[in-house]
N, C-alpha and C. Protein backbone atom coordinates (compact mmCIF):
# COMPACT_ATOMS: atom_id res chain seq x y z
N UNK A 1 -20.94 6.24 -11.26
CA UNK A 1 -20.87 6.89 -10.46
C UNK A 1 -19.34 7.66 -9.57
N UNK A 2 -19.00 9.07 -9.49
CA UNK A 2 -17.87 9.31 -8.63
C UNK A 2 -18.27 9.66 -7.31
N UNK A 3 -17.81 9.75 -7.12
CA UNK A 3 -18.20 9.59 -5.34
C UNK A 3 -17.44 11.34 -5.28
N UNK A 4 -16.49 11.22 -6.00
CA UNK A 4 -15.74 12.74 -6.14
C UNK A 4 -14.87 13.19 -4.84
N UNK A 5 -15.29 12.09 -3.12
CA UNK A 5 -14.30 12.69 -2.29
C UNK A 5 -13.16 11.45 -1.89
N UNK A 6 -12.14 12.40 -1.22
CA UNK A 6 -11.12 11.73 -0.83
C UNK A 6 -9.59 12.86 -0.15
N UNK A 7 -10.11 12.36 1.24
CA UNK A 7 -9.22 13.41 1.86
C UNK A 7 -8.91 12.40 3.40
N UNK A 8 -8.02 12.96 3.53
CA UNK A 8 -7.29 12.07 5.32
C UNK A 8 -8.38 12.42 6.37
N UNK A 9 -9.39 13.94 6.48
CA UNK A 9 -9.95 13.81 7.56
C UNK A 9 -11.13 12.64 7.37
N UNK A 10 -11.69 12.23 6.40
CA UNK A 10 -12.88 11.33 6.16
C UNK A 10 -14.21 12.15 6.18
N UNK A 11 -14.16 13.48 5.54
CA UNK A 11 -14.84 14.05 5.26
C UNK A 11 -15.64 13.82 4.04
N UNK A 12 -17.16 13.71 3.61
CA UNK A 12 -17.79 12.86 2.72
C UNK A 12 -18.37 13.98 2.52
N UNK A 13 -18.80 14.93 3.03
CA UNK A 13 -19.83 16.28 2.93
C UNK A 13 -20.50 15.78 2.23
N UNK A 14 -21.23 16.48 0.72
CA UNK A 14 -23.06 15.83 0.59
C UNK A 14 -23.45 14.93 0.28
N UNK A 15 -21.84 13.71 -0.13
CA UNK A 15 -22.42 12.29 0.06
C UNK A 15 -22.94 11.63 1.47
N UNK A 16 -23.05 12.33 2.26
CA UNK A 16 -23.58 11.79 3.87
C UNK A 16 -24.94 12.00 3.74
N UNK A 17 -25.95 12.78 2.85
CA UNK A 17 -26.85 13.15 2.68
C UNK A 17 -28.09 11.59 2.08
N UNK A 18 -28.59 10.93 3.20
CA UNK A 18 -29.26 9.51 2.33
C UNK A 18 -29.79 9.35 0.65
N UNK A 19 -30.57 10.87 1.02
CA UNK A 19 -31.39 10.79 -0.37
C UNK A 19 -30.45 10.80 -1.57
N UNK A 20 -29.46 11.66 -0.98
CA UNK A 20 -28.47 11.81 -2.79
C UNK A 20 -28.26 9.96 -2.52
N UNK A 21 -27.49 9.19 -1.73
CA UNK A 21 -27.02 8.35 -1.90
C UNK A 21 -28.37 7.49 -2.68
N UNK A 22 -29.69 7.04 -2.31
CA UNK A 22 -30.52 6.39 -2.84
C UNK A 22 -30.77 7.15 -3.99
N UNK A 23 -31.15 8.46 -4.58
CA UNK A 23 -30.89 8.34 -5.62
C UNK A 23 -30.13 7.68 -6.67
N UNK A 24 -28.88 7.56 -6.06
CA UNK A 24 -27.17 7.61 -6.98
C UNK A 24 -27.60 5.81 -7.06
N UNK A 25 -28.16 5.19 -6.23
CA UNK A 25 -28.47 3.90 -6.35
C UNK A 25 -29.41 3.61 -7.11
N UNK A 26 -30.02 3.76 -6.98
CA UNK A 26 -31.95 3.60 -7.18
C UNK A 26 -31.96 3.75 -8.94
N UNK A 27 -31.34 4.77 -9.35
CA UNK A 27 -31.57 5.40 -10.45
C UNK A 27 -31.20 4.27 -11.70
N UNK A 28 -30.12 3.37 -11.54
CA UNK A 28 -28.99 3.14 -12.55
C UNK A 28 -30.36 2.04 -13.38
N UNK A 29 -30.31 2.47 -14.50
CA UNK A 29 -30.86 1.76 -15.61
C UNK A 29 -30.70 -0.12 -15.96
N UNK A 30 -28.98 -0.47 -16.00
CA UNK A 30 -28.45 -1.25 -16.40
C UNK A 30 -27.80 -1.43 -15.41
N UNK A 31 -26.32 -0.60 -14.54
CA UNK A 31 -25.44 -1.28 -14.02
C UNK A 31 -25.14 0.26 -13.13
N UNK A 32 -24.79 -0.23 -12.19
CA UNK A 32 -23.63 0.67 -11.48
C UNK A 32 -22.26 0.37 -11.13
N UNK A 33 -21.46 1.27 -11.54
CA UNK A 33 -19.62 1.41 -11.27
C UNK A 33 -19.61 2.63 -10.03
N UNK A 34 -19.53 2.54 -9.05
CA UNK A 34 -19.07 3.73 -8.31
C UNK A 34 -17.49 3.60 -8.24
N UNK A 35 -17.27 4.42 -8.18
CA UNK A 35 -15.56 5.67 -8.07
C UNK A 35 -15.38 5.52 -6.69
N UNK A 36 -14.18 5.61 -5.87
CA UNK A 36 -14.16 6.38 -4.88
C UNK A 36 -13.23 5.98 -4.21
N UNK A 37 -13.36 6.99 -3.22
CA UNK A 37 -11.78 6.42 -1.70
C UNK A 37 -12.77 6.04 -0.86
N UNK A 38 -12.75 4.54 -0.54
CA UNK A 38 -13.01 4.09 0.91
C UNK A 38 -12.52 4.15 1.26
N UNK A 39 -11.34 4.67 1.96
CA UNK A 39 -11.39 4.88 3.42
C UNK A 39 -11.91 6.31 3.60
N UNK A 40 -11.75 7.24 3.07
CA UNK A 40 -13.07 8.57 2.99
C UNK A 40 -14.11 7.82 2.83
N UNK A 41 -15.31 7.11 2.47
CA UNK A 41 -16.46 6.78 2.23
C UNK A 41 -16.53 5.72 3.87
N UNK A 42 -15.53 5.61 4.03
CA UNK A 42 -15.98 4.36 5.55
C UNK A 42 -16.15 5.28 6.68
N UNK A 43 -15.81 6.08 6.38
CA UNK A 43 -16.20 7.48 8.03
C UNK A 43 -17.47 7.48 7.99
N UNK A 44 -18.88 6.91 6.89
CA UNK A 44 -20.09 7.82 7.11
C UNK A 44 -20.71 6.22 6.74
N UNK A 45 -21.46 5.70 7.91
CA UNK A 45 -21.70 4.46 8.19
C UNK A 45 -23.02 4.18 7.32
N UNK A 46 -23.51 5.04 6.45
CA UNK A 46 -23.99 4.63 5.12
C UNK A 46 -23.10 3.99 4.33
N UNK A 47 -22.25 4.41 3.98
CA UNK A 47 -21.77 4.35 2.62
C UNK A 47 -20.66 2.97 3.36
N UNK A 48 -20.12 2.71 4.29
CA UNK A 48 -19.24 2.44 5.21
C UNK A 48 -20.30 0.43 5.09
N UNK A 49 -21.63 0.82 5.29
CA UNK A 49 -22.28 -0.49 5.29
C UNK A 49 -22.58 -1.12 3.62
N UNK A 50 -22.47 0.35 2.47
CA UNK A 50 -22.56 -0.23 1.60
C UNK A 50 -21.07 -1.03 1.01
N UNK A 51 -20.31 -0.45 1.36
CA UNK A 51 -18.97 -0.71 0.61
C UNK A 51 -18.84 -2.34 1.88
N UNK A 52 -18.99 -2.42 3.07
CA UNK A 52 -18.95 -4.18 3.56
C UNK A 52 -20.17 -5.45 2.79
N UNK A 53 -21.10 -4.48 1.81
CA UNK A 53 -22.17 -5.59 1.47
C UNK A 53 -21.42 -5.21 0.51
N UNK A 54 -20.66 -4.59 -1.10
CA UNK A 54 -20.05 -5.06 -2.31
C UNK A 54 -19.32 -5.91 -1.35
N UNK A 55 -18.33 -5.50 -0.80
CA UNK A 55 -17.57 -6.44 -0.42
C UNK A 55 -17.70 -8.04 0.22
N UNK A 56 -18.36 -8.35 0.93
CA UNK A 56 -19.36 -10.01 1.33
C UNK A 56 -19.20 -10.13 0.25
N UNK A 57 -20.21 -9.61 -0.87
CA UNK A 57 -21.10 -10.26 -2.09
C UNK A 57 -19.55 -10.33 -3.27
N UNK A 58 -18.68 -9.79 -3.39
CA UNK A 58 -17.29 -10.50 -4.04
C UNK A 58 -17.77 -9.74 -5.56
N UNK A 59 -18.79 -8.11 -4.94
CA UNK A 59 -18.90 -7.16 -6.44
C UNK A 59 -17.79 -5.93 -6.61
N UNK A 60 -16.70 -6.03 -5.03
CA UNK A 60 -15.25 -5.09 -5.72
C UNK A 60 -14.91 -5.20 -6.62
N UNK A 61 -14.80 -4.92 -7.84
CA UNK A 61 -13.94 -5.06 -9.41
C UNK A 61 -12.58 -4.50 -8.79
N UNK A 62 -12.16 -3.12 -8.00
CA UNK A 62 -10.45 -3.61 -8.29
C UNK A 62 -10.32 -2.29 -7.31
N UNK A 63 -9.39 -2.49 -6.46
CA UNK A 63 -8.70 -1.04 -5.28
C UNK A 63 -7.34 -1.43 -5.39
N UNK A 64 -7.55 -0.19 -4.82
CA UNK A 64 -5.57 -0.02 -4.74
C UNK A 64 -5.42 0.10 -2.74
N UNK A 65 -4.61 -1.37 -2.46
CA UNK A 65 -4.36 -0.75 -0.86
C UNK A 65 -2.67 -0.50 -0.83
N UNK A 66 -2.47 0.33 0.50
CA UNK A 66 -1.80 1.06 0.70
C UNK A 66 -0.16 0.36 1.15
């Protein structure tokens, strides 16, 4: 899944819709790979919580740090 949002303002647009997030996360049959800009996604509470869980669970595969 590509979150397609990356900006300095932290605007996640349609990604802030909880229904879209639920569908995207629960419909995967074998696995889920999310590609996105964590700095932008962290401006949204649901995405921030999910990113915290991914990090704490050791599931973050790779990321770029500035």
